[in-house]
């Protein structure tokens, strides 16, 4: 089966300091629940989790092109005990339940797993997609200047403590007949994740719990 690689990058400038954004981006459950389709999730104990190997993937903490070898191995290819690259934290594997619509009208649930690693400036996520689709998501959070002419608290935006540029890149390896559908679906979903992140930060007013 012919496989093709593509990617989707979503970015947003937010009126919150990087450490406040990272409190969500580096917290797997908070990040998972930004997705409005999620109905439940649980952290898997080590006895149930397998950690994907990260050999052959893009440099840690960057949004550069991935190596030709593709992303981490997925179902049937996992290498237990491997995964964390230089500067990355210990991985956590989560089981996630999503709701979706079949033929746009019949509700059903999807259960899948994803492994999360913290990087110095964000996180790296390996969802187990199935159907011959392999995914790697990289979140990068960096300080930046606010929009020209725009204040922080003066305009009621954020908390007045700083601005962040948040970039999320999804690398996709999929069968030729599926790659367009997967890219379109992820592009829409990840724009909604950015909306959810901004909304969640606004709700918490920058006062995120540990």
C-alpha atoms as a PDB file:
ATOM      1  CA  UNK A   1       0.000   0.000   0.000  1.00  0.00           C
ATOM      2  CA  UNK A   2       1.383   3.408  -0.979  1.00  0.00           C
ATOM      3  CA  UNK A   3       1.934   5.746   1.961  1.00  0.00           C
ATOM      4  CA  UNK A   4       2.175   9.504   1.789  1.00  0.00           C
ATOM      5  CA  UNK A   5       3.398  12.052   4.322  1.00  0.00           C
ATOM      6  CA  UNK A   6       1.794  15.435   4.895  1.00  0.00           C
ATOM      7  CA  UNK A   7       1.372  17.827   7.795  1.00  0.00           C
ATOM      8  CA  UNK A   8      -0.975  20.414   9.264  1.00  0.00           C
ATOM      9  CA  UNK A   9       0.325  23.374  11.286  1.00  0.00           C
ATOM     10  CA  UNK A  10      -1.914  25.571  13.425  1.00  0.00           C
ATOM     11  CA  UNK A  11      -0.657  28.625  15.308  1.00  0.00           C
ATOM     12  CA  UNK A  12      -2.108  31.266  17.568  1.00  0.00           C
ATOM     13  CA  UNK A  13      -0.789  34.308  19.457  1.00  0.00           C
ATOM     14  CA  UNK A  14      -2.341  34.326  22.928  1.00  0.00           C
ATOM     15  CA  UNK A  15      -2.355  37.043  25.625  1.00  0.00           C
ATOM     16  CA  UNK A  16      -0.979  34.719  28.304  1.00  0.00           C
ATOM     17  CA  UNK A  17       2.567  34.080  29.497  1.00  0.00           C
ATOM     18  CA  UNK A  18       4.276  30.873  28.253  1.00  0.00           C
ATOM     19  CA  UNK A  19       4.318  29.252  31.700  1.00  0.00           C
ATOM     20  CA  UNK A  20       0.529  29.598  31.889  1.00  0.00           C
ATOM     21  CA  UNK A  21       0.038  28.051  28.456  1.00  0.00           C
ATOM     22  CA  UNK A  22       2.484  25.253  29.284  1.00  0.00           C
ATOM     23  CA  UNK A  23       0.459  24.413  32.388  1.00  0.00           C
ATOM     24  CA  UNK A  24      -2.148  23.074  29.953  1.00  0.00           C
ATOM     25  CA  UNK A  25      -0.004  21.936  27.023  1.00  0.00           C
ATOM     26  CA  UNK A  26       2.228  19.858  29.338  1.00  0.00           C
ATOM     27  CA  UNK A  27      -0.705  18.428  31.299  1.00  0.00           C
ATOM     28  CA  UNK A  28      -2.075  15.501  29.236  1.00  0.00           C
ATOM     29  CA  UNK A  29      -5.561  15.406  30.737  1.00  0.00           C
ATOM     30  CA  UNK A  30      -6.055  19.161  30.330  1.00  0.00           C
ATOM     31  CA  UNK A  31      -4.821  18.943  26.734  1.00  0.00           C
ATOM     32  CA  UNK A  32      -7.064  15.968  25.945  1.00  0.00           C
ATOM     33  CA  UNK A  33     -10.155  17.690  27.310  1.00  0.00           C
ATOM     34  CA  UNK A  34      -9.682  20.694  25.030  1.00  0.00           C
ATOM     35  CA  UNK A  35     -11.173  18.454  22.335  1.00  0.00           C
ATOM     36  CA  UNK A  36     -14.972  18.934  22.411  1.00  0.00           C
ATOM     37  CA  UNK A  37     -15.475  15.374  21.112  1.00  0.00           C
ATOM     38  CA  UNK A  38     -13.830  13.770  24.150  1.00  0.00           C
ATOM     39  CA  UNK A  39     -16.256  12.093  26.543  1.00  0.00           C
ATOM     40  CA  UNK A  40     -13.709  10.456  28.827  1.00  0.00           C
ATOM     41  CA  UNK A  41     -10.060   9.560  29.352  1.00  0.00           C
ATOM     42  CA  UNK A  42      -7.888   7.641  31.793  1.00  0.00           C
ATOM     43  CA  UNK A  43      -4.180   7.337  32.473  1.00  0.00           C
ATOM     44  CA  UNK A  44      -3.007   3.779  31.822  1.00  0.00           C
ATOM     45  CA  UNK A  45      -0.770   2.100  34.398  1.00  0.00           C
ATOM     46  CA  UNK A  46       2.651   0.939  33.162  1.00  0.00           C
ATOM     47  CA  UNK A  47       1.393  -2.647  32.994  1.00  0.00           C
ATOM     48  CA  UNK A  48      -1.127  -1.645  30.291  1.00  0.00           C
ATOM     49  CA  UNK A  49       0.882   1.007  28.462  1.00  0.00           C
ATOM     50  CA  UNK A  50       3.456   0.609  25.721  1.00  0.00           C
ATOM     51  CA  UNK A  51       5.650   3.583  24.911  1.00  0.00           C
ATOM     52  CA  UNK A  52       6.408   4.186  21.221  1.00  0.00           C
ATOM     53  CA  UNK A  53       9.972   4.492  20.051  1.00  0.00           C
ATOM     54  CA  UNK A  54      10.895   7.976  18.878  1.00  0.00           C
ATOM     55  CA  UNK A  55      13.857   7.009  16.704  1.00  0.00           C
ATOM     56  CA  UNK A  56      13.722   8.555  13.250  1.00  0.00           C
ATOM     57  CA  UNK A  57      11.360  11.409  14.053  1.00  0.00           C
ATOM     58  CA  UNK A  58      11.803  15.149  13.798  1.00  0.00           C
ATOM     59  CA  UNK A  59      14.193  16.999  16.146  1.00  0.00           C
ATOM     60  CA  UNK A  60      12.805  17.500  19.629  1.00  0.00           C
ATOM     61  CA  UNK A  61      11.173  20.849  20.294  1.00  0.00           C
ATOM     62  CA  UNK A  62      11.222  22.012  16.667  1.00  0.00           C
ATOM     63  CA  UNK A  63       8.704  22.212  13.866  1.00  0.00           C
ATOM     64  CA  UNK A  64      11.147  21.136  11.153  1.00  0.00           C
ATOM     65  CA  UNK A  65      10.526  18.434   8.573  1.00  0.00           C
ATOM     66  CA  UNK A  66      10.605  14.931  10.083  1.00  0.00           C
ATOM     67  CA  UNK A  67      13.179  12.397   9.065  1.00  0.00           C
ATOM     68  CA  UNK A  68      12.323  10.136   6.152  1.00  0.00           C
ATOM     69  CA  UNK A  69      11.877   7.203   8.501  1.00  0.00           C
ATOM     70  CA  UNK A  70       8.521   8.510   9.667  1.00  0.00           C
ATOM     71  CA  UNK A  71       7.058   8.711  13.163  1.00  0.00           C
ATOM     72  CA  UNK A  72       7.106   6.377  16.085  1.00  0.00           C
ATOM     73  CA  UNK A  73       5.987   2.819  15.526  1.00  0.00           C
ATOM     74  CA  UNK A  74       2.323   2.305  16.331  1.00  0.00           C
ATOM     75  CA  UNK A  75       0.138  -0.750  17.126  1.00  0.00           C
ATOM     76  CA  UNK A  76       2.104  -3.941  16.775  1.00  0.00           C
ATOM     77  CA  UNK A  77       5.385  -2.014  16.487  1.00  0.00           C
ATOM     78  CA  UNK A  78       5.781  -0.447  19.947  1.00  0.00           C
ATOM     79  CA  UNK A  79       9.050  -0.783  21.794  1.00  0.00           C
ATOM     80  CA  UNK A  80       8.285  -0.879  25.544  1.00  0.00           C
ATOM     81  CA  UNK A  81      10.566   1.206  27.688  1.00  0.00           C
ATOM     82  CA  UNK A  82      11.767   3.490  24.907  1.00  0.00           C
ATOM     83  CA  UNK A  83      10.551   6.893  23.870  1.00  0.00           C
ATOM     84  CA  UNK A  84      11.848   9.891  25.762  1.00  0.00           C
ATOM     85  CA  UNK A  85      14.295  11.914  23.707  1.00  0.00           C
ATOM     86  CA  UNK A  86      16.881  14.320  25.064  1.00  0.00           C
ATOM     87  CA  UNK A  87      15.187  17.012  27.135  1.00  0.00           C
ATOM     88  CA  UNK A  88      11.855  15.182  27.197  1.00  0.00           C
ATOM     89  CA  UNK A  89      10.001  13.991  30.260  1.00  0.00           C
ATOM     90  CA  UNK A  90       8.770  10.504  31.002  1.00  0.00           C
ATOM     91  CA  UNK A  91       5.935   9.451  28.723  1.00  0.00           C
ATOM     92  CA  UNK A  92       2.343   8.870  29.839  1.00  0.00           C
ATOM     93  CA  UNK A  93      -0.098   6.749  27.850  1.00  0.00           C
ATOM     94  CA  UNK A  94      -3.780   7.687  27.999  1.00  0.00           C
ATOM     95  CA  UNK A  95      -6.874   5.873  26.779  1.00  0.00           C
ATOM     96  CA  UNK A  96      -9.334   8.336  25.224  1.00  0.00           C
ATOM     97  CA  UNK A  97     -13.023   8.034  24.321  1.00  0.00           C
ATOM     98  CA  UNK A  98     -14.398  10.288  21.587  1.00  0.00           C
ATOM     99  CA  UNK A  99     -17.927  10.668  20.305  1.00  0.00           C
ATOM    100  CA  UNK A 100     -18.464  11.003  16.567  1.00  0.00           C
ATOM    101  CA  UNK A 101     -21.141  10.669  13.897  1.00  0.00           C
ATOM    102  CA  UNK A 102     -21.327   7.881  11.333  1.00  0.00           C
ATOM    103  CA  UNK A 103     -22.765   9.109   8.024  1.00  0.00           C
ATOM    104  CA  UNK A 104     -23.215  12.503   9.755  1.00  0.00           C
ATOM    105  CA  UNK A 105     -26.206  11.308  11.803  1.00  0.00           C
ATOM    106  CA  UNK A 106     -25.523   8.056  13.694  1.00  0.00           C
ATOM    107  CA  UNK A 107     -23.646   8.636  16.972  1.00  0.00           C
ATOM    108  CA  UNK A 108     -20.889   6.214  17.951  1.00  0.00           C
ATOM    109  CA  UNK A 109     -17.825   6.149  20.175  1.00  0.00           C
ATOM    110  CA  UNK A 110     -14.156   5.726  19.298  1.00  0.00           C
ATOM    111  CA  UNK A 111     -11.597   4.529  21.841  1.00  0.00           C
ATOM    112  CA  UNK A 112      -7.893   4.978  21.183  1.00  0.00           C
ATOM    113  CA  UNK A 113      -4.602   5.539  22.982  1.00  0.00           C
ATOM    114  CA  UNK A 114      -2.064   8.340  22.867  1.00  0.00           C
ATOM    115  CA  UNK A 115       1.350   8.692  24.491  1.00  0.00           C
ATOM    116  CA  UNK A 116       2.450  12.132  25.737  1.00  0.00           C
ATOM    117  CA  UNK A 117       5.987  13.415  26.318  1.00  0.00           C
ATOM    118  CA  UNK A 118       6.849  16.841  27.726  1.00  0.00           C
ATOM    119  CA  UNK A 119       9.537  18.811  25.880  1.00  0.00           C
ATOM    120  CA  UNK A 120      11.347  21.905  27.217  1.00  0.00           C
ATOM    121  CA  UNK A 121       8.940  24.207  25.368  1.00  0.00           C
ATOM    122  CA  UNK A 122       5.825  22.113  24.865  1.00  0.00           C
ATOM    123  CA  UNK A 123       4.851  18.494  24.333  1.00  0.00           C
ATOM    124  CA  UNK A 124       4.950  15.695  21.795  1.00  0.00           C
ATOM    125  CA  UNK A 125       2.000  13.335  21.327  1.00  0.00           C
ATOM    126  CA  UNK A 126       1.735   9.995  19.538  1.00  0.00           C
ATOM    127  CA  UNK A 127      -1.913   9.003  18.915  1.00  0.00           C
ATOM    128  CA  UNK A 128      -2.611   5.396  17.810  1.00  0.00           C
ATOM    129  CA  UNK A 129      -4.830   6.140  14.828  1.00  0.00           C
ATOM    130  CA  UNK A 130      -5.312   2.726  13.181  1.00  0.00           C
ATOM    131  CA  UNK A 131      -6.400   2.109   9.561  1.00  0.00           C
ATOM    132  CA  UNK A 132      -2.788   2.416   8.436  1.00  0.00           C
ATOM    133  CA  UNK A 133      -2.594   6.024   9.667  1.00  0.00           C
ATOM    134  CA  UNK A 134       0.356   7.150  11.814  1.00  0.00           C
ATOM    135  CA  UNK A 135       0.413  10.489  13.604  1.00  0.00           C
ATOM    136  CA  UNK A 136       2.842  12.660  15.544  1.00  0.00           C
ATOM    137  CA  UNK A 137       1.742  15.963  17.130  1.00  0.00           C
ATOM    138  CA  UNK A 138       4.203  18.574  18.364  1.00  0.00           C
ATOM    139  CA  UNK A 139       3.176  21.556  20.521  1.00  0.00           C
ATOM    140  CA  UNK A 140       5.653  24.437  20.892  1.00  0.00           C
ATOM    141  CA  UNK A 141       5.060  27.447  23.189  1.00  0.00           C
ATOM    142  CA  UNK A 142       7.337  30.480  23.043  1.00  0.00           C
ATOM    143  CA  UNK A 143       7.197  34.071  24.342  1.00  0.00           C
ATOM    144  CA  UNK A 144       6.362  36.760  21.818  1.00  0.00           C
ATOM    145  CA  UNK A 145       5.325  40.377  21.481  1.00  0.00           C
ATOM    146  CA  UNK A 146       1.636  41.213  21.547  1.00  0.00           C
ATOM    147  CA  UNK A 147      -0.167  42.573  18.475  1.00  0.00           C
ATOM    148  CA  UNK A 148       0.999  46.031  17.419  1.00  0.00           C
ATOM    149  CA  UNK A 149      -0.907  48.726  19.265  1.00  0.00           C
ATOM    150  CA  UNK A 150      -2.600  46.238  21.565  1.00  0.00           C
ATOM    151  CA  UNK A 151      -2.263  46.331  25.322  1.00  0.00           C
ATOM    152  CA  UNK A 152      -2.768  43.506  27.747  1.00  0.00           C
ATOM    153  CA  UNK A 153      -5.046  44.348  30.633  1.00  0.00           C
ATOM    154  CA  UNK A 154      -5.877  47.727  29.098  1.00  0.00           C
ATOM    155  CA  UNK A 155      -7.993  46.021  26.465  1.00  0.00           C
ATOM    156  CA  UNK A 156      -9.313  43.330  28.756  1.00  0.00           C
ATOM    157  CA  UNK A 157      -7.242  40.599  27.084  1.00  0.00           C
ATOM    158  CA  UNK A 158      -5.498  37.895  29.088  1.00  0.00           C
ATOM    159  CA  UNK A 159      -3.946  38.814  32.403  1.00  0.00           C
ATOM    160  CA  UNK A 160      -1.398  41.444  31.375  1.00  0.00           C
ATOM    161  CA  UNK A 161       1.584  39.193  32.210  1.00  0.00           C
ATOM    162  CA  UNK A 162       2.823  38.399  28.716  1.00  0.00           C
ATOM    163  CA  UNK A 163       2.061  36.901  25.326  1.00  0.00           C
ATOM    164  CA  UNK A 164       2.800  33.509  23.809  1.00  0.00           C
ATOM    165  CA  UNK A 165       2.970  32.091  20.322  1.00  0.00           C
ATOM    166  CA  UNK A 166       1.568  28.558  20.301  1.00  0.00           C
ATOM    167  CA  UNK A 167       2.241  26.277  17.339  1.00  0.00           C
ATOM    168  CA  UNK A 168       0.896  22.779  16.912  1.00  0.00           C
ATOM    169  CA  UNK A 169       2.069  20.603  14.049  1.00  0.00           C
ATOM    170  CA  UNK A 170       0.473  17.286  13.146  1.00  0.00           C
ATOM    171  CA  UNK A 171       2.590  15.032  10.944  1.00  0.00           C
ATOM    172  CA  UNK A 172       0.542  12.437   9.097  1.00  0.00           C
ATOM    173  CA  UNK A 173       1.606   9.233   7.376  1.00  0.00           C
ATOM    174  CA  UNK A 174      -1.399   7.626   5.691  1.00  0.00           C
ATOM    175  CA  UNK A 175      -2.417   5.439   2.742  1.00  0.00           C
ATOM    176  CA  UNK A 176      -2.685   7.494  -0.431  1.00  0.00           C
ATOM    177  CA  UNK A 177      -6.477   7.219  -0.534  1.00  0.00           C
ATOM    178  CA  UNK A 178      -6.894   8.459   3.046  1.00  0.00           C
ATOM    179  CA  UNK A 179      -4.320  11.215   3.379  1.00  0.00           C
ATOM    180  CA  UNK A 180      -6.548  14.027   2.067  1.00  0.00           C
ATOM    181  CA  UNK A 181      -9.433  13.073   4.347  1.00  0.00           C
ATOM    182  CA  UNK A 182      -7.184  12.747   7.404  1.00  0.00           C
ATOM    183  CA  UNK A 183      -5.477  16.084   6.715  1.00  0.00           C
ATOM    184  CA  UNK A 184      -8.788  17.908   6.310  1.00  0.00           C
ATOM    185  CA  UNK A 185     -10.248  16.340   9.450  1.00  0.00           C
ATOM    186  CA  UNK A 186      -7.172  17.124  11.546  1.00  0.00           C
ATOM    187  CA  UNK A 187      -6.958  20.682  10.240  1.00  0.00           C
ATOM    188  CA  UNK A 188     -10.489  21.407  11.455  1.00  0.00           C
ATOM    189  CA  UNK A 189     -10.035  19.534  14.739  1.00  0.00           C
ATOM    190  CA  UNK A 190      -6.773  21.252  15.613  1.00  0.00           C
ATOM    191  CA  UNK A 191      -8.164  24.713  14.909  1.00  0.00           C
ATOM    192  CA  UNK A 192     -10.887  23.821  17.425  1.00  0.00           C
ATOM    193  CA  UNK A 193      -8.202  22.702  19.893  1.00  0.00           C
ATOM    194  CA  UNK A 194      -6.564  26.124  19.647  1.00  0.00           C
ATOM    195  CA  UNK A 195      -9.946  27.750  20.232  1.00  0.00           C
ATOM    196  CA  UNK A 196     -10.415  25.493  23.255  1.00  0.00           C
ATOM    197  CA  UNK A 197      -6.976  26.366  24.616  1.00  0.00           C
ATOM    198  CA  UNK A 198      -7.645  30.092  24.372  1.00  0.00           C
ATOM    199  CA  UNK A 199     -11.081  29.674  25.915  1.00  0.00           C
ATOM    200  CA  UNK A 200      -9.744  27.543  28.784  1.00  0.00           C
ATOM    201  CA  UNK A 201      -7.014  30.058  29.578  1.00  0.00           C
ATOM    202  CA  UNK A 202      -9.624  32.795  29.626  1.00  0.00           C
ATOM    203  CA  UNK A 203     -11.859  30.785  31.973  1.00  0.00           C
ATOM    204  CA  UNK A 204      -9.016  30.182  34.374  1.00  0.00           C
ATOM    205  CA  UNK A 205      -7.788  33.756  34.121  1.00  0.00           C
ATOM    206  CA  UNK A 206      -4.224  32.508  34.164  1.00  0.00           C
ATOM    207  CA  UNK A 207      -4.756  30.991  37.624  1.00  0.00           C
ATOM    208  CA  UNK A 208      -4.146  27.366  36.605  1.00  0.00           C
ATOM    209  CA  UNK A 209      -4.014  24.658  39.203  1.00  0.00           C
ATOM    210  CA  UNK A 210      -0.939  22.455  39.390  1.00  0.00           C
END
